[in-house]
Amino acid sequence: MDNFKSINDTVGHESGDLALKKAVSAIRSRIRLDDEVIRFGGDEFIIVFPDMDEEIFKKKLESVLEAIHGESVEGISIAASCGGVRGTGSIEGLLRKADKALYQAKKEKGTYRLYGEGENA
């Protein structure tokens, strides 16, 4: 989630908790039953999409971000950025790659980047 700390600081931790719940609900509304959502940190989530081709994967990330961006808490819009990686490998390696892609997406806010796409990925 982008600017999550400002929600906690501006309208309180209960509203921050509600923002997290709304984000998860928005994510779940756009993924398949077999996909997994895992809270990875304070305001970071991992979504695992087994057996998904690249074009559908990109559309799914766009759809998830669109759903999150439609939510708000006490008049403050909820926003998110997303870093993605496709392939096989160790969980640590895949997470490291996804984190690099997320770093690039957060520079622009509200978008997604896939690992290996773009000159700085």
C-alpha atoms as a PDB file:
ATOM      1  CA  MET A   1       0.000   0.000   0.000  1.00  0.00           C
ATOM      2  CA  ASP A   2       1.206   3.488  -0.805  1.00  0.00           C
ATOM      3  CA  ASN A   3       1.274   6.083   1.974  1.00  0.00           C
ATOM      4  CA  PHE A   4      -0.176   3.689   4.543  1.00  0.00           C
ATOM      5  CA  LYS A   5       1.692   5.432   7.350  1.00  0.00           C
ATOM      6  CA  SER A   6      -0.122   8.672   6.557  1.00  0.00           C
ATOM      7  CA  ILE A   7      -3.497   6.961   7.091  1.00  0.00           C
ATOM      8  CA  ASN A   8      -2.367   5.761  10.524  1.00  0.00           C
ATOM      9  CA  ASP A   9      -0.895   9.165  11.386  1.00  0.00           C
ATOM     10  CA  THR A  10      -3.812  11.225  10.051  1.00  0.00           C
ATOM     11  CA  VAL A  11      -6.903   9.285  11.106  1.00  0.00           C
ATOM     12  CA  GLY A  12      -5.532   6.673  13.516  1.00  0.00           C
ATOM     13  CA  HIS A  13      -4.565   3.032  13.688  1.00  0.00           C
ATOM     14  CA  GLU A  14      -8.155   1.758  13.697  1.00  0.00           C
ATOM     15  CA  SER A  15      -8.635   3.435  10.330  1.00  0.00           C
ATOM     16  CA  GLY A  16      -5.314   1.967   9.208  1.00  0.00           C
ATOM     17  CA  ASP A  17      -6.566  -1.488  10.184  1.00  0.00           C
ATOM     18  CA  LEU A  18      -9.759  -0.822   8.212  1.00  0.00           C
ATOM     19  CA  ALA A  19      -7.663   0.255   5.204  1.00  0.00           C
ATOM     20  CA  LEU A  20      -5.765  -3.047   5.362  1.00  0.00           C
ATOM     21  CA  LYS A  21      -9.025  -4.998   5.528  1.00  0.00           C
ATOM     22  CA  LYS A  22     -10.451  -3.061   2.585  1.00  0.00           C
ATOM     23  CA  ALA A  23      -7.303  -3.660   0.558  1.00  0.00           C
ATOM     24  CA  VAL A  24      -7.442  -7.412   1.232  1.00  0.00           C
ATOM     25  CA  SER A  25     -11.132  -7.495   0.374  1.00  0.00           C
ATOM     26  CA  ALA A  26     -10.423  -5.637  -2.878  1.00  0.00           C
ATOM     27  CA  ILE A  27      -7.622  -8.076  -3.709  1.00  0.00           C
ATOM     28  CA  ARG A  28      -9.773 -11.111  -2.979  1.00  0.00           C
ATOM     29  CA  SER A  29     -12.548  -9.709  -5.196  1.00  0.00           C
ATOM     30  CA  ARG A  30     -10.215  -9.878  -8.203  1.00  0.00           C
ATOM     31  CA  ILE A  31      -8.375 -13.183  -7.722  1.00  0.00           C
ATOM     32  CA  ARG A  32      -9.283 -16.832  -8.179  1.00  0.00           C
ATOM     33  CA  LEU A  33     -10.215 -19.156  -5.322  1.00  0.00           C
ATOM     34  CA  ASP A  34      -6.931 -21.060  -5.756  1.00  0.00           C
ATOM     35  CA  ASP A  35      -4.788 -17.895  -5.531  1.00  0.00           C
ATOM     36  CA  GLU A  36      -3.265 -16.953  -2.186  1.00  0.00           C
ATOM     37  CA  VAL A  37      -3.015 -13.590  -0.413  1.00  0.00           C
ATOM     38  CA  ILE A  38      -0.394 -13.374   2.330  1.00  0.00           C
ATOM     39  CA  ARG A  39       0.335 -10.363   4.497  1.00  0.00           C
ATOM     40  CA  PHE A  40       4.092  -9.973   4.265  1.00  0.00           C
ATOM     41  CA  GLY A  41       4.712  -6.861   6.328  1.00  0.00           C
ATOM     42  CA  GLY A  42       2.908  -3.933   7.829  1.00  0.00           C
ATOM     43  CA  ASP A  43       1.432  -2.786   4.539  1.00  0.00           C
ATOM     44  CA  GLU A  44       2.784  -5.325   2.059  1.00  0.00           C
ATOM     45  CA  PHE A  45       1.061  -8.381   0.652  1.00  0.00           C
ATOM     46  CA  ILE A  46       2.134 -11.293  -1.493  1.00  0.00           C
ATOM     47  CA  ILE A  47      -0.322 -12.702  -4.010  1.00  0.00           C
ATOM     48  CA  VAL A  48       0.512 -16.111  -5.437  1.00  0.00           C
ATOM     49  CA  PHE A  49      -1.045 -16.886  -8.824  1.00  0.00           C
ATOM     50  CA  PRO A  50      -0.260 -20.498  -9.743  1.00  0.00           C
ATOM     51  CA  ASP A  51      -0.287 -21.426 -13.432  1.00  0.00           C
ATOM     52  CA  MET A  52      -0.976 -18.044 -15.005  1.00  0.00           C
ATOM     53  CA  ASP A  53       0.378 -16.869 -18.344  1.00  0.00           C
ATOM     54  CA  GLU A  54       2.126 -13.500 -18.584  1.00  0.00           C
ATOM     55  CA  GLU A  55      -0.634 -11.487 -20.287  1.00  0.00           C
ATOM     56  CA  ILE A  56      -3.288 -12.698 -17.834  1.00  0.00           C
ATOM     57  CA  PHE A  57      -0.840 -12.026 -14.977  1.00  0.00           C
ATOM     58  CA  LYS A  58      -0.437  -8.405 -16.102  1.00  0.00           C
ATOM     59  CA  LYS A  59      -4.191  -7.947 -16.449  1.00  0.00           C
ATOM     60  CA  LYS A  60      -4.718  -9.473 -13.026  1.00  0.00           C
ATOM     61  CA  LEU A  61      -2.253  -7.021 -11.434  1.00  0.00           C
ATOM     62  CA  GLU A  62      -3.993  -4.105 -13.171  1.00  0.00           C
ATOM     63  CA  SER A  63      -7.361  -5.369 -11.955  1.00  0.00           C
ATOM     64  CA  VAL A  64      -6.158  -5.764  -8.354  1.00  0.00           C
ATOM     65  CA  LEU A  65      -4.718  -2.240  -8.314  1.00  0.00           C
ATOM     66  CA  GLU A  66      -7.920  -0.848  -9.809  1.00  0.00           C
ATOM     67  CA  ALA A  67      -9.984  -2.515  -7.070  1.00  0.00           C
ATOM     68  CA  ILE A  68      -7.719  -1.185  -4.307  1.00  0.00           C
ATOM     69  CA  HIS A  69      -7.706   2.331  -5.762  1.00  0.00           C
ATOM     70  CA  GLY A  70     -11.504   2.368  -5.601  1.00  0.00           C
ATOM     71  CA  GLU A  71     -11.427   2.120  -1.798  1.00  0.00           C
ATOM     72  CA  SER A  72     -11.136   4.837   0.836  1.00  0.00           C
ATOM     73  CA  VAL A  73     -11.116   5.278   4.600  1.00  0.00           C
ATOM     74  CA  GLU A  74     -12.511   8.428   6.195  1.00  0.00           C
ATOM     75  CA  GLY A  75     -12.205  10.307   2.922  1.00  0.00           C
ATOM     76  CA  ILE A  76      -8.617   9.201   2.279  1.00  0.00           C
ATOM     77  CA  SER A  77      -8.130   7.153  -0.873  1.00  0.00           C
ATOM     78  CA  ILE A  78      -6.337   3.859  -0.524  1.00  0.00           C
ATOM     79  CA  ALA A  79      -3.569   3.422  -3.075  1.00  0.00           C
ATOM     80  CA  ALA A  80      -1.099   0.686  -3.866  1.00  0.00           C
ATOM     81  CA  SER A  81       1.820  -0.202  -6.081  1.00  0.00           C
ATOM     82  CA  CYS A  82       2.783  -3.710  -7.106  1.00  0.00           C
ATOM     83  CA  GLY A  83       5.944  -5.553  -8.023  1.00  0.00           C
ATOM     84  CA  GLY A  84       5.612  -8.883  -9.760  1.00  0.00           C
ATOM     85  CA  VAL A  85       7.762 -11.791 -10.808  1.00  0.00           C
ATOM     86  CA  ARG A  86       6.940 -14.893 -12.841  1.00  0.00           C
ATOM     87  CA  GLY A  87       8.828 -18.134 -12.874  1.00  0.00           C
ATOM     88  CA  THR A  88      10.296 -20.751 -10.655  1.00  0.00           C
ATOM     89  CA  GLY A  89      13.046 -20.616  -8.095  1.00  0.00           C
ATOM     90  CA  SER A  90      13.571 -20.283  -4.395  1.00  0.00           C
ATOM     91  CA  ILE A  91      11.023 -18.301  -2.450  1.00  0.00           C
ATOM     92  CA  GLU A  92      13.801 -15.994  -1.259  1.00  0.00           C
ATOM     93  CA  GLY A  93      14.988 -15.362  -4.803  1.00  0.00           C
ATOM     94  CA  LEU A  94      11.498 -14.716  -6.132  1.00  0.00           C
ATOM     95  CA  LEU A  95      10.707 -12.365  -3.238  1.00  0.00           C
ATOM     96  CA  ARG A  96      13.947 -10.458  -3.825  1.00  0.00           C
ATOM     97  CA  LYS A  97      13.048  -9.997  -7.497  1.00  0.00           C
ATOM     98  CA  ALA A  98       9.469  -8.962  -6.707  1.00  0.00           C
ATOM     99  CA  ASP A  99      10.789  -6.469  -4.147  1.00  0.00           C
ATOM    100  CA  LYS A 100      13.063  -4.892  -6.773  1.00  0.00           C
ATOM    101  CA  ALA A 101      10.095  -4.544  -9.122  1.00  0.00           C
ATOM    102  CA  LEU A 102       7.990  -3.076  -6.297  1.00  0.00           C
ATOM    103  CA  TYR A 103      10.696  -0.484  -5.604  1.00  0.00           C
ATOM    104  CA  GLN A 104      10.439   0.655  -9.240  1.00  0.00           C
ATOM    105  CA  ALA A 105       6.620   0.765  -9.123  1.00  0.00           C
ATOM    106  CA  LYS A 106       6.603   2.792  -5.898  1.00  0.00           C
ATOM    107  CA  LYS A 107       8.653   5.504  -7.610  1.00  0.00           C
ATOM    108  CA  GLU A 108       5.671   6.140  -9.862  1.00  0.00           C
ATOM    109  CA  LYS A 109       2.970   5.276  -7.288  1.00  0.00           C
ATOM    110  CA  GLY A 110      -0.182   3.409  -8.135  1.00  0.00           C
ATOM    111  CA  THR A 111       1.242   1.181 -10.843  1.00  0.00           C
ATOM    112  CA  TYR A 112       2.882  -2.210 -11.202  1.00  0.00           C
ATOM    113  CA  ARG A 113       6.216  -3.350 -12.560  1.00  0.00           C
ATOM    114  CA  LEU A 114       7.356  -6.843 -13.425  1.00  0.00           C
ATOM    115  CA  TYR A 115      10.863  -7.954 -12.583  1.00  0.00           C
ATOM    116  CA  GLY A 116      13.031  -7.686 -15.675  1.00  0.00           C
ATOM    117  CA  GLU A 117      10.848  -5.103 -17.428  1.00  0.00           C
ATOM    118  CA  GLY A 118      12.162  -1.580 -17.651  1.00  0.00           C
ATOM    119  CA  GLU A 119      15.724  -0.413 -17.606  1.00  0.00           C
ATOM    120  CA  ASN A 120      16.099  -0.297 -13.806  1.00  0.00           C
ATOM    121  CA  ALA A 121      14.395  -3.563 -12.857  1.00  0.00           C
END
